Amino acid sequence: MGEFTIKMPDVGEGVAEAELVEWHVKPGDPVREDMVLAAVMTDKATVEIPSPVTGTVLWLGADIGDTVAVKAPLLRIKVAGEGGEASATPMPETVTIEPAEEQSPVATVESPPPVESKTPAHAAPVVRLEVQTPAEKPLASPAVRLRAQEGGIDLRQVSGTGPAGRITHDDLDQFLARGTHQPAATPAGLAKKTAVEEIKVTGLRRRISEKMVLATSRIPHITYVEEIDVTDLEDLRATMNGSRKPNQTKLTILPFLMRAMVKAIGEQPGVNATFDDDAGMITRHGAVNIGIATQTPAGLTVPVVRHAEARSIWDCAAELVRLAEAARTGSALREELSGSTITITSLGAMGGIATTPIINHPEVAIVGVNKIMTRPVWDGSQFIPRKMMNLSSSFDHRIVDGWDAATFVQRLKVLLETPALIFIES
C-alpha cells in the first residue's frame, strides 16, 4: 500500500495562500481519480482541487475557514499497490509515489514524509480525538441539538455512539425508546428560546467583511443625496422596451444611469479614479469600467461592465444581464470580477428612500440607486404626480471635494431628468 500527500496547488497570480471553504470528503471516504476533493478561495476566485489518484482518504490537513499556504499538505490518500489505480496511466510530473527516495520541491501531489510522533501544527486534521467528560458540553450536530431542545431532552443523559462520543439521531431514538425520558411540560403561552447558533465567517462572507473594514477604516466618506424626477426617463424606457428587437435585452434604469455616468465623468474625470493610499498615488482612468454590486446566494459580488464608454445603451443592458447571471451562478471569470473604476449599487424595489453606500476600495466614488416612487410635486400652481427617485452617492473625501461631488451628481440629475441628452454625442 502507498500514500499520496496532496499539497495546496499554486493557483497563480502570485497568490501565496488561499482559504479552505469546502471539503467534499472526510477521512475514510473512497475517492476516484479526478473527483473534486475540496474548494479553496482566493481574493479573485474559488478553485476546486481534484484527486489525481483513486484510493481512500486517510487524513485532512485543515478546517473550513483555515488559510493554507501554497505547497502546504492538504490531505493524504491511501492507494493500492505502489501507485494505486492511477498507475495504469502516465502520472503527471507533479506526482511522486511512495516509496520514493527523493521528492520534488515544487510538487503539488507527493508522497508523505516518514510518520512522526506528532502531527505538524500547520496540518491539524479536521477529525480530532476528543475525550468527553460529564462536565463538558455533549458533542452533537446543530440538528440533533435542535431536536433535543424541542423534545425537552437533556443531552447529558444520552450516550453518544458517533465518533469521539458524538450524539446522533439514532442515539436520540434509542434514548426515547427506552422510556426513561420524561418530556418537559410545554407551557400554554409564549415559550423562551435559548438556542444559540455559531456561524464561522468563511469564504466570500469573510472577503466581504475584510473589504468593508478596509473601506470604512481607510476612506473618509462623504455621502450626497439628490432627488431625481425620472418621469420622462420612465416614459422613454417604456417606449424603447415596447419597440425593442427580439434579440435586444429589456431595459432597466441602470443602462441609462451607466450612459449618464459616462457623460458626467467626461466632465468630472476625478471621480473615475482609484487611490493607492499606501503609495499616495491617484490613478485616473480613461476607461469607464463600472462595477455592479450584485447579490448572490453566497453574498455580495461586484462584476464589472468594462468600457461602458464604448457601449450603446442596449449593449450595456445585455452585458448587465450576462454578468449578473454569471455572478449568481458562480460562473463569472476572475477578470469579470475585478478592475472596476467606479461602482453602482442598487437594491431595486427595496432600495429605500436614501442609503449611505460604502465605496468599493480602492475606488473613490460609488453611486447608489434608491427605489422609484410616485410623489406629489409642486409645479408652481398645483401638486402633480411625478415618479421620483433618490441617488445616494458616496465619495472619498481625501480625493473628491464636496463641490466636485455635488457637481457630478447634479450633472447626473440633468441627464436623467432630460434623458434625450444622454443620446446626444458631445
Protein backbone atom coordinates (compact mmCIF):
# COMPACT_ATOMS: atom_id res chain seq x y z
CA MET A 1 0.00 0.00 0.00
CA GLY A 2 1.11 3.56 -0.62
CA GLU A 3 0.08 7.06 0.38
CA PHE A 4 -0.24 10.31 -1.54
CA THR A 5 0.08 13.69 0.09
CA ILE A 6 -1.80 16.34 -1.87
CA LYS A 7 -0.46 19.83 -1.36
CA MET A 8 -2.15 23.19 -1.80
CA PRO A 9 -1.65 23.97 -5.51
CA ASP A 10 -0.30 27.22 -6.88
CA VAL A 11 -3.45 28.98 -8.12
CA GLY A 12 -1.47 31.65 -9.98
CA GLU A 13 -1.36 35.46 -9.92
CA GLY A 14 1.28 35.43 -7.21
CA VAL A 15 -1.16 34.05 -4.61
CA ALA A 16 0.80 32.64 -1.67
CA GLU A 17 -2.16 31.24 0.28
CA ALA A 18 -5.86 30.50 -0.06
CA GLU A 19 -8.78 29.94 2.28
CA LEU A 20 -10.29 26.47 2.52
CA VAL A 21 -14.03 26.95 2.01
CA GLU A 22 -15.34 23.44 1.38
CA TRP A 23 -14.46 19.79 1.90
CA HIS A 24 -16.17 17.23 -0.35
CA VAL A 25 -14.65 14.25 1.51
CA LYS A 26 -13.83 13.10 5.04
CA PRO A 27 -11.40 10.51 6.44
CA GLY A 28 -12.43 7.01 5.36
CA ASP A 29 -14.21 8.15 2.19
CA PRO A 30 -13.31 6.40 -1.06
CA VAL A 31 -12.21 8.74 -3.85
CA ARG A 32 -11.65 8.25 -7.55
CA GLU A 33 -9.34 9.95 -9.97
CA ASP A 34 -10.50 13.45 -11.00
CA MET A 35 -13.07 13.58 -8.19
CA VAL A 36 -13.30 17.03 -6.59
CA LEU A 37 -11.89 16.85 -3.07
CA ALA A 38 -12.04 20.44 -1.82
CA ALA A 39 -12.55 24.06 -2.81
CA VAL A 40 -10.33 27.00 -1.87
CA MET A 41 -10.93 30.70 -2.32
CA THR A 42 -8.50 33.46 -3.21
CA ASP A 43 -9.26 37.18 -3.45
CA LYS A 44 -10.40 36.65 -7.04
CA ALA A 45 -11.99 33.22 -7.45
CA THR A 46 -12.93 29.85 -5.99
CA VAL A 47 -10.74 26.96 -7.15
CA GLU A 48 -11.68 23.27 -6.99
CA ILE A 49 -8.97 20.71 -6.19
CA PRO A 50 -9.39 17.29 -7.90
CA SER A 51 -7.80 13.98 -6.92
CA PRO A 52 -5.04 12.66 -9.20
CA VAL A 53 -5.48 9.11 -7.88
CA THR A 54 -8.03 6.57 -6.72
CA GLY A 55 -7.95 5.45 -3.11
CA THR A 56 -9.21 6.20 0.41
CA VAL A 57 -8.90 9.44 2.38
CA LEU A 58 -6.64 8.98 5.39
CA TRP A 59 -6.23 12.48 6.76
CA LEU A 60 -7.38 16.08 6.23
CA GLY A 61 -4.94 18.89 6.89
CA ALA A 62 -7.15 21.92 7.50
CA ASP A 63 -10.54 23.05 8.78
CA ILE A 64 -13.10 25.03 6.83
CA GLY A 65 -12.08 28.69 7.06
CA ASP A 66 -8.38 27.97 7.57
CA THR A 67 -5.83 29.81 5.43
CA VAL A 68 -3.49 27.30 3.78
CA ALA A 69 -0.15 28.24 2.25
CA VAL A 70 0.73 27.13 -1.27
CA LYS A 71 2.59 23.75 -1.14
CA ALA A 72 1.38 23.03 2.40
CA PRO A 73 0.00 19.45 2.92
CA LEU A 74 -3.77 19.44 2.37
CA LEU A 75 -4.78 15.75 2.62
CA ARG A 76 -3.45 12.21 2.34
CA ILE A 77 -4.91 9.38 0.30
CA LYS A 78 -4.14 5.64 0.67
CA VAL A 79 -3.74 3.91 -2.69
CA ALA A 80 -3.49 0.22 -3.61
CA GLY A 81 -0.07 -1.09 -4.58
CA GLU A 82 2.86 1.12 -5.37
CA GLY A 83 0.92 3.62 -7.40
CA GLY A 84 -2.72 2.75 -6.92
CA GLU A 85 -5.15 2.56 -9.80
CA ALA A 86 -3.76 5.77 -11.28
CA SER A 87 -0.55 3.92 -12.22
CA ALA A 88 -2.35 2.41 -15.21
CA THR A 89 -2.00 5.75 -17.00
CA PRO A 90 1.04 8.04 -17.21
CA MET A 91 1.19 10.09 -14.00
CA PRO A 92 1.79 13.85 -14.23
CA GLU A 93 5.23 15.10 -13.34
CA THR A 94 3.89 16.65 -10.14
CA VAL A 95 3.04 13.20 -8.69
CA THR A 96 5.53 11.24 -6.58
CA ILE A 97 4.65 7.72 -5.48
CA GLU A 98 5.64 6.21 -2.15
CA PRO A 99 8.11 4.68 -1.61
CA ALA A 100 10.40 7.25 -3.20
CA GLU A 101 13.91 8.37 -2.33
CA GLU A 102 13.52 11.96 -3.49
CA GLN A 103 10.64 14.43 -3.59
CA SER A 104 10.23 17.32 -5.96
CA PRO A 105 10.20 20.65 -4.08
CA VAL A 106 7.55 22.01 -6.47
CA ALA A 107 5.21 19.02 -6.48
CA THR A 108 1.57 19.66 -5.75
CA VAL A 109 0.98 15.95 -5.07
CA GLU A 110 3.74 13.92 -3.42
CA SER A 111 4.44 11.07 -1.05
CA PRO A 112 4.31 11.92 2.65
CA PRO A 113 7.37 12.21 4.85
CA PRO A 114 8.07 9.41 7.36
CA VAL A 115 5.48 9.19 10.07
CA GLU A 116 6.42 11.32 13.05
CA SER A 117 5.31 11.07 16.63
CA LYS A 118 3.11 14.15 16.37
CA THR A 119 1.14 15.96 13.68
CA PRO A 120 2.66 19.20 12.30
CA ALA A 121 0.92 22.31 13.65
CA HIS A 122 0.01 23.54 10.18
CA ALA A 123 -1.72 20.28 9.24
CA ALA A 124 -4.17 19.58 12.05
CA PRO A 125 -6.77 17.07 10.83
CA VAL A 126 -10.42 18.01 10.67
CA VAL A 127 -11.45 14.99 12.73
CA ARG A 128 -9.81 15.19 16.16
CA LEU A 129 -10.00 12.69 19.01
CA GLU A 130 -11.85 14.26 21.89
CA VAL A 131 -12.48 12.96 25.39
CA GLN A 132 -15.94 13.76 26.64
CA THR A 133 -16.36 14.23 30.36
CA PRO A 134 -19.61 14.85 32.21
CA ALA A 135 -18.64 18.49 32.73
CA GLU A 136 -18.11 19.11 29.02
CA LYS A 137 -20.75 20.12 26.52
CA PRO A 138 -22.12 16.98 24.81
CA LEU A 139 -20.94 16.55 21.22
CA ALA A 140 -23.82 16.79 18.76
CA SER A 141 -24.68 18.45 15.46
CA PRO A 142 -26.92 21.56 15.41
CA ALA A 143 -29.79 19.46 14.02
CA VAL A 144 -29.52 16.96 16.89
CA ARG A 145 -29.32 19.77 19.44
CA LEU A 146 -32.42 21.41 17.99
CA ARG A 147 -34.36 18.16 18.06
CA ALA A 148 -33.31 17.53 21.66
CA GLN A 149 -34.28 21.05 22.70
CA GLU A 150 -37.70 20.80 21.03
CA GLY A 151 -38.25 17.43 22.72
CA GLY A 152 -37.08 18.60 26.14
CA ILE A 153 -34.18 16.10 26.14
CA ASP A 154 -31.09 16.72 28.26
CA LEU A 155 -28.23 15.60 26.01
CA ARG A 156 -26.07 14.95 29.06
CA GLN A 157 -28.29 11.93 29.74
CA VAL A 158 -27.78 10.49 26.24
CA SER A 159 -24.90 8.17 25.37
CA GLY A 160 -23.28 9.02 22.03
CA THR A 161 -22.15 6.27 19.65
CA GLY A 162 -20.68 8.51 16.97
CA PRO A 163 -17.03 9.47 16.51
CA ALA A 164 -15.50 10.79 19.75
CA GLY A 165 -18.79 10.12 21.55
CA ARG A 166 -20.86 12.36 19.25
CA ILE A 167 -24.61 12.03 19.79
CA THR A 168 -26.56 11.09 16.64
CA HIS A 169 -30.25 10.97 15.73
CA ASP A 170 -30.17 7.19 16.26
CA ASP A 171 -28.90 7.76 19.81
CA LEU A 172 -31.89 10.02 20.46
CA ASP A 173 -34.26 7.39 19.04
CA GLN A 174 -32.79 4.69 21.30
CA PHE A 175 -32.94 7.01 24.32
CA LEU A 176 -36.64 7.72 23.69
CA ALA A 177 -37.38 4.03 23.04
CA ARG A 178 -36.06 3.08 26.50
CA GLY A 179 -38.86 5.13 28.01
CA THR A 180 -36.63 6.81 30.58
CA HIS A 181 -37.23 10.27 29.20
CA GLN A 182 -39.83 12.49 30.80
CA PRO A 183 -40.54 15.35 28.39
CA ALA A 184 -40.81 18.75 29.95
CA ALA A 185 -44.26 20.24 30.14
CA THR A 186 -44.95 22.62 27.30
CA PRO A 187 -46.24 25.95 28.55
CA ALA A 188 -49.55 27.07 27.19
CA GLY A 189 -48.34 30.57 26.48
CA LEU A 190 -45.20 32.00 25.00
CA ALA A 191 -42.03 29.94 25.39
CA LYS A 192 -38.47 31.11 25.79
CA LYS A 193 -35.99 30.28 23.05
CA THR A 194 -32.50 29.54 24.28
CA ALA A 195 -30.90 28.07 21.14
CA VAL A 196 -27.63 29.67 20.07
CA GLU A 197 -26.14 29.12 16.63
CA GLU A 198 -22.49 29.89 15.99
CA ILE A 199 -21.53 30.51 12.36
CA LYS A 200 -17.91 30.77 11.36
CA VAL A 201 -17.23 33.59 8.89
CA THR A 202 -15.58 31.95 5.90
CA GLY A 203 -15.28 32.18 2.13
CA LEU A 204 -16.98 35.04 0.34
CA ARG A 205 -18.54 36.37 3.56
CA ARG A 206 -15.05 36.75 5.04
CA ARG A 207 -13.86 38.54 1.87
CA ILE A 208 -16.82 40.93 2.08
CA SER A 209 -16.11 41.57 5.76
CA GLU A 210 -12.45 42.33 5.12
CA LYS A 211 -13.32 44.60 2.18
CA MET A 212 -15.85 46.58 4.21
CA VAL A 213 -13.46 47.02 7.12
CA LEU A 214 -10.74 48.19 4.74
CA ALA A 215 -13.05 50.69 3.03
CA THR A 216 -14.59 52.17 6.18
CA SER A 217 -11.33 52.31 8.16
CA ARG A 218 -9.30 53.98 5.42
CA ILE A 219 -11.76 56.07 3.42
CA PRO A 220 -13.40 59.20 4.89
CA HIS A 221 -16.78 59.01 3.18
CA ILE A 222 -18.93 61.94 2.13
CA THR A 223 -22.45 60.93 1.02
CA TYR A 224 -24.53 63.22 -1.17
CA VAL A 225 -28.25 62.51 -1.71
CA GLU A 226 -30.20 64.15 -4.52
CA GLU A 227 -33.80 63.75 -5.67
CA ILE A 228 -34.29 62.92 -9.36
CA ASP A 229 -37.52 63.26 -11.35
CA VAL A 230 -37.44 60.19 -13.60
CA THR A 231 -40.95 60.55 -15.04
CA ASP A 232 -39.72 61.33 -18.56
CA LEU A 233 -36.99 58.71 -18.30
CA GLU A 234 -39.52 56.04 -17.34
CA ASP A 235 -41.76 57.06 -20.26
CA LEU A 236 -38.78 56.81 -22.64
CA ARG A 237 -37.77 53.46 -21.21
CA ALA A 238 -41.28 52.06 -21.68
CA THR A 239 -41.34 53.31 -25.28
CA MET A 240 -37.93 51.79 -26.08
CA ASN A 241 -38.85 48.46 -24.49
CA GLY A 242 -42.08 48.42 -26.48
CA SER A 243 -40.21 48.76 -29.77
CA ARG A 244 -37.10 46.71 -28.98
CA LYS A 245 -35.94 43.96 -31.32
CA PRO A 246 -36.35 40.31 -30.34
CA ASN A 247 -32.61 39.96 -29.68
CA GLN A 248 -32.40 43.07 -27.50
CA THR A 249 -32.41 42.88 -23.70
CA LYS A 250 -35.19 44.63 -21.81
CA LEU A 251 -34.01 47.96 -20.45
CA THR A 252 -33.97 48.78 -16.76
CA ILE A 253 -32.98 52.16 -15.37
CA LEU A 254 -29.37 51.05 -14.86
CA PRO A 255 -28.22 51.22 -18.54
CA PHE A 256 -29.49 54.82 -18.68
CA LEU A 257 -27.59 55.62 -15.48
CA MET A 258 -24.45 54.00 -16.89
CA ARG A 259 -24.55 56.10 -20.03
CA ALA A 260 -25.28 59.21 -17.95
CA MET A 261 -22.26 58.42 -15.77
CA VAL A 262 -20.05 58.11 -18.84
CA LYS A 263 -21.07 61.60 -19.96
CA ALA A 264 -20.73 63.11 -16.48
CA ILE A 265 -17.31 61.50 -15.99
CA GLY A 266 -16.17 63.20 -19.19
CA GLU A 267 -16.66 66.49 -17.36
CA GLN A 268 -15.58 65.22 -13.89
CA PRO A 269 -12.77 62.69 -14.57
CA GLY A 270 -11.63 62.84 -10.96
CA VAL A 271 -14.46 60.54 -9.82
CA ASN A 272 -13.42 57.78 -12.21
CA ALA A 273 -10.23 57.00 -10.33
CA THR A 274 -8.54 54.68 -7.89
CA PHE A 275 -6.37 55.77 -4.98
CA ASP A 276 -3.35 53.84 -3.71
CA ASP A 277 -3.23 55.36 -0.25
CA ASP A 278 -0.07 53.43 0.68
CA ALA A 279 1.85 54.94 -2.23
CA GLY A 280 -0.06 58.26 -2.16
CA MET A 281 -0.91 57.85 -5.85
CA ILE A 282 -4.18 58.69 -7.65
CA THR A 283 -4.82 56.92 -10.96
CA ARG A 284 -7.41 58.49 -13.25
CA HIS A 285 -8.78 56.02 -15.75
CA GLY A 286 -9.79 56.74 -19.32
CA ALA A 287 -11.80 53.53 -19.43
CA VAL A 288 -15.10 53.64 -17.57
CA ASN A 289 -15.28 50.17 -16.03
CA ILE A 290 -18.46 50.16 -13.97
CA GLY A 291 -18.78 47.66 -11.14
CA ILE A 292 -22.33 46.49 -10.47
CA ALA A 293 -22.91 45.39 -6.86
CA THR A 294 -24.84 42.12 -7.25
CA GLN A 295 -26.45 40.00 -4.56
CA THR A 296 -25.81 36.27 -4.97
CA PRO A 297 -26.71 33.23 -2.85
CA ALA A 298 -23.14 33.29 -1.48
CA GLY A 299 -23.08 37.04 -0.79
CA LEU A 300 -22.33 40.35 -2.47
CA THR A 301 -20.09 40.34 -5.55
CA VAL A 302 -19.18 43.12 -7.99
CA PRO A 303 -18.98 42.01 -11.64
CA VAL A 304 -17.59 44.68 -13.95
CA VAL A 305 -19.03 46.11 -17.19
CA ARG A 306 -15.83 47.05 -18.96
CA HIS A 307 -15.53 50.05 -21.28
CA ALA A 308 -19.03 51.40 -20.74
CA GLU A 309 -17.85 54.47 -22.67
CA ALA A 310 -17.74 52.31 -25.83
CA ARG A 311 -21.10 50.56 -25.34
CA SER A 312 -24.56 51.55 -26.54
CA ILE A 313 -27.43 51.55 -24.07
CA TRP A 314 -28.61 48.18 -25.45
CA ASP A 315 -25.12 46.75 -25.16
CA CYS A 316 -24.91 47.96 -21.56
CA ALA A 317 -28.22 46.24 -20.79
CA ALA A 318 -27.14 42.94 -22.35
CA GLU A 319 -23.80 42.94 -20.53
CA LEU A 320 -25.52 43.73 -17.23
CA VAL A 321 -27.81 40.71 -17.56
CA ARG A 322 -24.98 38.41 -18.65
CA LEU A 323 -22.67 39.39 -15.79
CA ALA A 324 -25.40 39.30 -13.14
CA GLU A 325 -26.35 35.76 -14.17
CA ALA A 326 -22.70 34.66 -14.18
CA ALA A 327 -22.22 36.13 -10.70
CA ARG A 328 -25.33 34.46 -9.28
CA THR A 329 -24.42 31.04 -10.71
CA GLY A 330 -20.79 31.31 -9.67
CA SER A 331 -19.53 31.07 -13.27
CA ALA A 332 -18.09 34.59 -13.55
CA LEU A 333 -14.47 34.65 -14.67
CA ARG A 334 -11.76 36.15 -12.49
CA GLU A 335 -11.28 39.13 -14.80
CA GLU A 336 -15.04 39.79 -14.77
CA LEU A 337 -14.92 40.38 -11.00
CA SER A 338 -12.07 42.89 -10.87
CA GLY A 339 -10.82 46.09 -12.46
CA SER A 340 -13.76 48.43 -11.78
CA THR A 341 -13.10 52.18 -11.69
CA ILE A 342 -16.47 53.29 -10.26
CA THR A 343 -19.41 51.29 -8.89
CA ILE A 344 -23.22 51.32 -8.95
CA THR A 345 -25.20 49.79 -6.11
CA SER A 346 -28.95 49.27 -6.32
CA LEU A 347 -31.47 47.32 -4.27
CA GLY A 348 -34.21 47.69 -6.87
CA ALA A 349 -37.69 47.94 -5.40
CA MET A 350 -36.16 47.52 -1.91
CA GLY A 351 -33.86 50.50 -2.45
CA GLY A 352 -35.34 52.59 0.33
CA ILE A 353 -35.57 56.38 0.39
CA ALA A 354 -31.87 57.00 0.94
CA THR A 355 -28.76 54.93 1.64
CA THR A 356 -25.12 55.52 2.58
CA PRO A 357 -23.15 53.34 0.14
CA ILE A 358 -19.67 52.14 1.11
CA ILE A 359 -17.02 52.82 -1.52
CA ASN A 360 -15.51 49.80 -3.28
CA HIS A 361 -11.86 50.29 -2.27
CA PRO A 362 -9.60 51.46 -3.95
CA GLU A 363 -12.17 53.43 -5.99
CA VAL A 364 -13.12 56.96 -4.95
CA ALA A 365 -16.85 57.02 -5.81
CA ILE A 366 -19.98 54.89 -5.74
CA VAL A 367 -23.47 55.75 -6.99
CA GLY A 368 -26.45 54.31 -5.10
CA VAL A 369 -29.87 53.93 -6.72
CA ASN A 370 -32.94 54.14 -4.49
CA LYS A 371 -36.44 52.99 -5.35
CA ILE A 372 -38.75 54.93 -7.64
CA MET A 373 -41.93 56.22 -6.00
CA THR A 374 -44.79 58.37 -7.27
CA ARG A 375 -44.90 61.55 -5.18
CA PRO A 376 -46.86 64.81 -5.37
CA VAL A 377 -44.59 67.54 -6.74
CA TRP A 378 -45.43 71.25 -6.74
CA ASP A 379 -45.10 72.71 -10.25
CA GLY A 380 -45.72 76.31 -9.19
CA SER A 381 -49.50 76.25 -9.28
CA GLN A 382 -50.53 72.75 -8.18
CA PHE A 383 -49.31 69.37 -6.99
CA ILE A 384 -48.90 66.82 -9.76
CA PRO A 385 -47.88 63.15 -9.54
CA ARG A 386 -44.28 62.54 -10.64
CA LYS A 387 -42.04 59.48 -10.50
CA MET A 388 -39.22 60.39 -8.15
CA MET A 389 -36.03 58.60 -7.21
CA ASN A 390 -33.09 59.49 -4.96
CA LEU A 391 -29.46 58.98 -5.88
CA SER A 392 -27.30 58.35 -2.82
CA SER A 393 -23.66 58.70 -3.81
CA SER A 394 -20.53 58.40 -1.66
CA PHE A 395 -17.09 59.85 -2.39
CA ASP A 396 -13.60 59.56 -0.92
CA HIS A 397 -13.29 63.00 0.68
CA ARG A 398 -9.50 62.83 0.53
CA ILE A 399 -9.68 62.89 -3.26
CA VAL A 400 -13.08 64.36 -4.16
CA ASP A 401 -14.12 67.69 -2.65
CA GLY A 402 -17.74 68.27 -1.70
CA TRP A 403 -18.17 70.77 -4.55
CA ASP A 404 -16.90 68.29 -7.13
CA ALA A 405 -19.11 65.55 -5.72
CA ALA A 406 -22.17 67.81 -5.92
CA THR A 407 -21.25 68.91 -9.47
CA PHE A 408 -21.03 65.29 -10.60
CA VAL A 409 -24.38 64.32 -9.06
CA GLN A 410 -26.10 67.45 -10.38
CA ARG A 411 -24.89 66.58 -13.88
CA LEU A 412 -26.39 63.11 -13.48
CA LYS A 413 -29.64 64.76 -12.37
CA VAL A 414 -29.83 66.90 -15.51
CA LEU A 415 -29.09 63.93 -17.79
CA LEU A 416 -31.62 61.63 -16.12
CA GLU A 417 -34.36 64.27 -15.95
CA THR A 418 -33.80 65.15 -19.63
CA PRO A 419 -32.94 61.70 -20.98
CA ALA A 420 -32.63 62.86 -24.61
CA LEU A 421 -29.32 64.45 -23.58
CA ILE A 422 -27.92 61.01 -22.86
CA PHE A 423 -28.10 60.18 -26.57
CA ILE A 424 -26.58 63.43 -27.85
CA GLU A 425 -22.95 62.99 -28.82
CA SER A 426 -20.61 65.51 -27.22
